[in-house]
Amino acid sequence: MTPETAALTASSISTSEAPTATFTGIDGKGILITEPAMKQLANLTRQQGDTKLLRVGVRSGGCSGMSYTMDFIDADAIQGDDETYVYEPAGAPGFRVVCDPKSLLYIYGMQLDFSSALIGGGFNFTNPNATQTCGCGSSFAV
């Protein structure tokens, strides 16, 4: 194979994926949530009930030093200094995401994605602030 043929073959094989659409809260702030994650969160919120909010944060622990947390909470569990973001997915009921200020320092700009794959599926975090992540993607270091 000549270098010209190799270059042609390589360029014709490579494909570029369309960038995944991400959404922020209606005020333009909050974590970035991909469309698959938006749909999954809207479904989970509907199952939990209208009074529940999604708390996203970090805590010490995990194989890299800090781990992500996600849990549904009651509205009366919101602390005075928590940040609340409203997300309104198209064709699904809106939901609110709550984050404490300390966690927000570590996850600002983070992208939350969802995959329904049998292996490696579930929620995935892509954090631009992380200097190291573990193989499972649920813990990180800064």
C-alpha atoms as a PDB file:
ATOM      1  CA  MET A   1       0.000   0.000   0.000  1.00  0.00           C
ATOM      2  CA  THR A   2       1.395   3.394  -0.940  1.00  0.00           C
ATOM      3  CA  PRO A   3       1.377   6.281   1.527  1.00  0.00           C
ATOM      4  CA  GLU A   4      -1.274   8.026  -0.590  1.00  0.00           C
ATOM      5  CA  THR A   5      -3.524   4.950  -0.502  1.00  0.00           C
ATOM      6  CA  ALA A   6      -3.011   4.572   3.257  1.00  0.00           C
ATOM      7  CA  ALA A   7      -3.950   8.214   3.830  1.00  0.00           C
ATOM      8  CA  LEU A   8      -7.050   7.872   1.640  1.00  0.00           C
ATOM      9  CA  THR A   9      -8.118   4.693   3.417  1.00  0.00           C
ATOM     10  CA  ALA A  10      -7.616   6.229   6.853  1.00  0.00           C
ATOM     11  CA  SER A  11      -9.508   9.392   5.987  1.00  0.00           C
ATOM     12  CA  SER A  12     -12.417   7.529   4.432  1.00  0.00           C
ATOM     13  CA  ILE A  13     -12.768   5.278   7.468  1.00  0.00           C
ATOM     14  CA  SER A  14     -12.790   8.004  10.094  1.00  0.00           C
ATOM     15  CA  THR A  15     -16.218   9.325  10.950  1.00  0.00           C
ATOM     16  CA  SER A  16     -17.139  12.249  13.099  1.00  0.00           C
ATOM     17  CA  GLU A  17     -19.967  11.925  15.553  1.00  0.00           C
ATOM     18  CA  ALA A  18     -22.367  14.795  15.980  1.00  0.00           C
ATOM     19  CA  PRO A  19     -21.782  16.581  19.276  1.00  0.00           C
ATOM     20  CA  THR A  20     -24.233  15.612  21.997  1.00  0.00           C
ATOM     21  CA  ALA A  21     -26.737  18.340  22.793  1.00  0.00           C
ATOM     22  CA  THR A  22     -26.517  19.526  26.397  1.00  0.00           C
ATOM     23  CA  PHE A  23     -28.910  21.553  28.482  1.00  0.00           C
ATOM     24  CA  THR A  24     -28.520  23.833  31.469  1.00  0.00           C
ATOM     25  CA  GLY A  25     -31.136  25.119  33.857  1.00  0.00           C
ATOM     26  CA  ILE A  26     -33.626  27.575  32.383  1.00  0.00           C
ATOM     27  CA  ASP A  27     -31.513  30.404  33.812  1.00  0.00           C
ATOM     28  CA  GLY A  28     -28.527  29.202  31.755  1.00  0.00           C
ATOM     29  CA  LYS A  29     -26.693  27.900  34.812  1.00  0.00           C
ATOM     30  CA  GLY A  30     -26.264  24.534  36.485  1.00  0.00           C
ATOM     31  CA  ILE A  31     -24.589  21.357  35.338  1.00  0.00           C
ATOM     32  CA  LEU A  32     -24.760  20.337  31.697  1.00  0.00           C
ATOM     33  CA  ILE A  33     -27.208  17.497  31.111  1.00  0.00           C
ATOM     34  CA  THR A  34     -27.334  15.582  27.839  1.00  0.00           C
ATOM     35  CA  GLU A  35     -30.619  14.755  26.146  1.00  0.00           C
ATOM     36  CA  PRO A  36     -30.553  11.049  27.148  1.00  0.00           C
ATOM     37  CA  ALA A  37     -29.888  12.043  30.770  1.00  0.00           C
ATOM     38  CA  MET A  38     -32.663  14.665  30.626  1.00  0.00           C
ATOM     39  CA  LYS A  39     -35.156  12.029  29.514  1.00  0.00           C
ATOM     40  CA  GLN A  40     -34.035   9.551  32.174  1.00  0.00           C
ATOM     41  CA  LEU A  41     -34.122  12.175  34.935  1.00  0.00           C
ATOM     42  CA  ALA A  42     -37.579  13.351  33.840  1.00  0.00           C
ATOM     43  CA  ASN A  43     -38.822   9.746  34.028  1.00  0.00           C
ATOM     44  CA  LEU A  44     -37.228   9.152  37.431  1.00  0.00           C
ATOM     45  CA  THR A  45     -38.603  12.438  38.771  1.00  0.00           C
ATOM     46  CA  ARG A  46     -42.085  11.531  37.587  1.00  0.00           C
ATOM     47  CA  GLN A  47     -41.782   8.160  39.381  1.00  0.00           C
ATOM     48  CA  GLN A  48     -40.560   9.857  42.588  1.00  0.00           C
ATOM     49  CA  GLY A  49     -43.385  12.390  42.641  1.00  0.00           C
ATOM     50  CA  ASP A  50     -43.720  16.093  41.941  1.00  0.00           C
ATOM     51  CA  THR A  51     -42.429  17.121  45.357  1.00  0.00           C
ATOM     52  CA  LYS A  52     -38.998  15.507  44.935  1.00  0.00           C
ATOM     53  CA  LEU A  53     -35.852  17.270  43.756  1.00  0.00           C
ATOM     54  CA  LEU A  54     -32.600  15.790  42.553  1.00  0.00           C
ATOM     55  CA  ARG A  55     -29.622  16.584  44.783  1.00  0.00           C
ATOM     56  CA  VAL A  56     -26.265  16.357  42.986  1.00  0.00           C
ATOM     57  CA  GLY A  57     -22.996  16.745  44.846  1.00  0.00           C
ATOM     58  CA  VAL A  58     -19.676  15.296  45.889  1.00  0.00           C
ATOM     59  CA  ARG A  59     -18.351  13.692  49.047  1.00  0.00           C
ATOM     60  CA  SER A  60     -15.013  12.398  50.274  1.00  0.00           C
ATOM     61  CA  GLY A  61     -14.324   8.810  49.321  1.00  0.00           C
ATOM     62  CA  GLY A  62     -14.091   6.588  46.303  1.00  0.00           C
ATOM     63  CA  CYS A  63     -10.957   5.224  44.700  1.00  0.00           C
ATOM     64  CA  SER A  64      -9.783   8.645  43.473  1.00  0.00           C
ATOM     65  CA  GLY A  65     -10.533  10.705  46.592  1.00  0.00           C
ATOM     66  CA  MET A  66     -13.976  12.197  45.898  1.00  0.00           C
ATOM     67  CA  SER A  67     -17.161  10.599  44.626  1.00  0.00           C
ATOM     68  CA  TYR A  68     -20.297  11.932  42.969  1.00  0.00           C
ATOM     69  CA  THR A  69     -23.652  11.731  44.709  1.00  0.00           C
ATOM     70  CA  MET A  70     -27.158  11.847  43.253  1.00  0.00           C
ATOM     71  CA  ASP A  71     -30.312  11.337  45.265  1.00  0.00           C
ATOM     72  CA  PHE A  72     -33.898  12.485  45.348  1.00  0.00           C
ATOM     73  CA  ILE A  73     -34.809  14.677  48.305  1.00  0.00           C
ATOM     74  CA  ASP A  74     -37.930  16.379  49.625  1.00  0.00           C
ATOM     75  CA  ALA A  75     -38.276  20.101  49.009  1.00  0.00           C
ATOM     76  CA  ASP A  76     -38.021  20.809  52.742  1.00  0.00           C
ATOM     77  CA  ALA A  77     -34.491  19.308  52.755  1.00  0.00           C
ATOM     78  CA  ILE A  78     -33.106  22.253  50.756  1.00  0.00           C
ATOM     79  CA  GLN A  79     -30.554  24.224  52.767  1.00  0.00           C
ATOM     80  CA  GLY A  80     -30.469  28.018  52.751  1.00  0.00           C
ATOM     81  CA  ASP A  81     -27.229  28.246  50.750  1.00  0.00           C
ATOM     82  CA  ASP A  82     -28.117  25.525  48.191  1.00  0.00           C
ATOM     83  CA  GLU A  83     -28.308  26.445  44.517  1.00  0.00           C
ATOM     84  CA  THR A  84     -31.451  25.273  42.707  1.00  0.00           C
ATOM     85  CA  TYR A  85     -31.689  24.913  38.939  1.00  0.00           C
ATOM     86  CA  VAL A  86     -34.862  24.214  36.963  1.00  0.00           C
ATOM     87  CA  TYR A  87     -34.613  21.978  33.889  1.00  0.00           C
ATOM     88  CA  GLU A  88     -37.448  21.712  31.384  1.00  0.00           C
ATOM     89  CA  PRO A  89     -36.962  18.859  28.895  1.00  0.00           C
ATOM     90  CA  ALA A  90     -39.035  19.006  25.721  1.00  0.00           C
ATOM     91  CA  GLY A  91     -42.105  16.788  25.937  1.00  0.00           C
ATOM     92  CA  ALA A  92     -41.533  15.863  29.584  1.00  0.00           C
ATOM     93  CA  PRO A  93     -42.267  17.481  32.926  1.00  0.00           C
ATOM     94  CA  GLY A  94     -39.638  19.796  34.315  1.00  0.00           C
ATOM     95  CA  PHE A  95     -37.517  18.949  37.329  1.00  0.00           C
ATOM     96  CA  ARG A  96     -35.270  20.758  39.788  1.00  0.00           C
ATOM     97  CA  VAL A  97     -31.641  20.009  40.604  1.00  0.00           C
ATOM     98  CA  VAL A  98     -30.149  21.141  43.924  1.00  0.00           C
ATOM     99  CA  CYS A  99     -26.448  21.458  44.723  1.00  0.00           C
ATOM    100  CA  ASP A 100     -24.631  22.727  47.793  1.00  0.00           C
ATOM    101  CA  PRO A 101     -22.020  25.485  47.251  1.00  0.00           C
ATOM    102  CA  LYS A 102     -19.040  23.320  48.278  1.00  0.00           C
ATOM    103  CA  SER A 103     -19.933  20.598  45.755  1.00  0.00           C
ATOM    104  CA  LEU A 104     -20.603  23.197  43.082  1.00  0.00           C
ATOM    105  CA  LEU A 105     -16.942  24.262  43.270  1.00  0.00           C
ATOM    106  CA  TYR A 106     -15.923  20.749  42.197  1.00  0.00           C
ATOM    107  CA  ILE A 107     -18.622  20.020  39.616  1.00  0.00           C
ATOM    108  CA  TYR A 108     -19.074  23.393  37.927  1.00  0.00           C
ATOM    109  CA  GLY A 109     -19.115  22.712  34.176  1.00  0.00           C
ATOM    110  CA  MET A 110     -19.676  18.980  34.671  1.00  0.00           C
ATOM    111  CA  GLN A 111     -21.672  17.090  32.048  1.00  0.00           C
ATOM    112  CA  LEU A 112     -24.134  14.409  33.120  1.00  0.00           C
ATOM    113  CA  ASP A 113     -24.924  11.781  30.496  1.00  0.00           C
ATOM    114  CA  PHE A 114     -26.964   8.574  30.506  1.00  0.00           C
ATOM    115  CA  SER A 115     -26.383   5.354  28.618  1.00  0.00           C
ATOM    116  CA  SER A 116     -28.736   2.381  28.443  1.00  0.00           C
ATOM    117  CA  ALA A 117     -25.917   0.012  27.424  1.00  0.00           C
ATOM    118  CA  LEU A 118     -25.882  -3.319  29.243  1.00  0.00           C
ATOM    119  CA  ILE A 119     -22.210  -2.933  30.113  1.00  0.00           C
ATOM    120  CA  GLY A 120     -21.111   0.464  31.385  1.00  0.00           C
ATOM    121  CA  GLY A 121     -24.631   1.876  31.250  1.00  0.00           C
ATOM    122  CA  GLY A 122     -26.190   4.303  33.680  1.00  0.00           C
ATOM    123  CA  PHE A 123     -25.336   7.884  34.521  1.00  0.00           C
ATOM    124  CA  ASN A 124     -21.870   9.062  33.491  1.00  0.00           C
ATOM    125  CA  PHE A 125     -20.070  12.148  34.750  1.00  0.00           C
ATOM    126  CA  THR A 126     -17.629  14.147  32.634  1.00  0.00           C
ATOM    127  CA  ASN A 127     -15.937  16.673  34.874  1.00  0.00           C
ATOM    128  CA  PRO A 128     -13.526  19.245  33.385  1.00  0.00           C
ATOM    129  CA  ASN A 129     -12.237  20.006  36.895  1.00  0.00           C
ATOM    130  CA  ALA A 130     -11.057  16.434  37.555  1.00  0.00           C
ATOM    131  CA  THR A 131      -7.337  15.778  37.309  1.00  0.00           C
ATOM    132  CA  GLN A 132      -7.829  12.035  37.764  1.00  0.00           C
ATOM    133  CA  THR A 133     -10.834   9.718  37.469  1.00  0.00           C
ATOM    134  CA  CYS A 134     -11.343   6.096  38.334  1.00  0.00           C
ATOM    135  CA  GLY A 135     -12.264   3.390  35.835  1.00  0.00           C
ATOM    136  CA  CYS A 136     -15.895   3.229  36.928  1.00  0.00           C
ATOM    137  CA  GLY A 137     -16.320   7.004  36.501  1.00  0.00           C
ATOM    138  CA  SER A 138     -17.940   7.565  39.880  1.00  0.00           C
ATOM    139  CA  SER A 139     -14.953   9.093  41.665  1.00  0.00           C
ATOM    140  CA  PHE A 140     -12.369  11.718  40.842  1.00  0.00           C
ATOM    141  CA  ALA A 141      -9.539  13.859  42.173  1.00  0.00           C
ATOM    142  CA  VAL A 142      -8.911  17.585  41.731  1.00  0.00           C
END
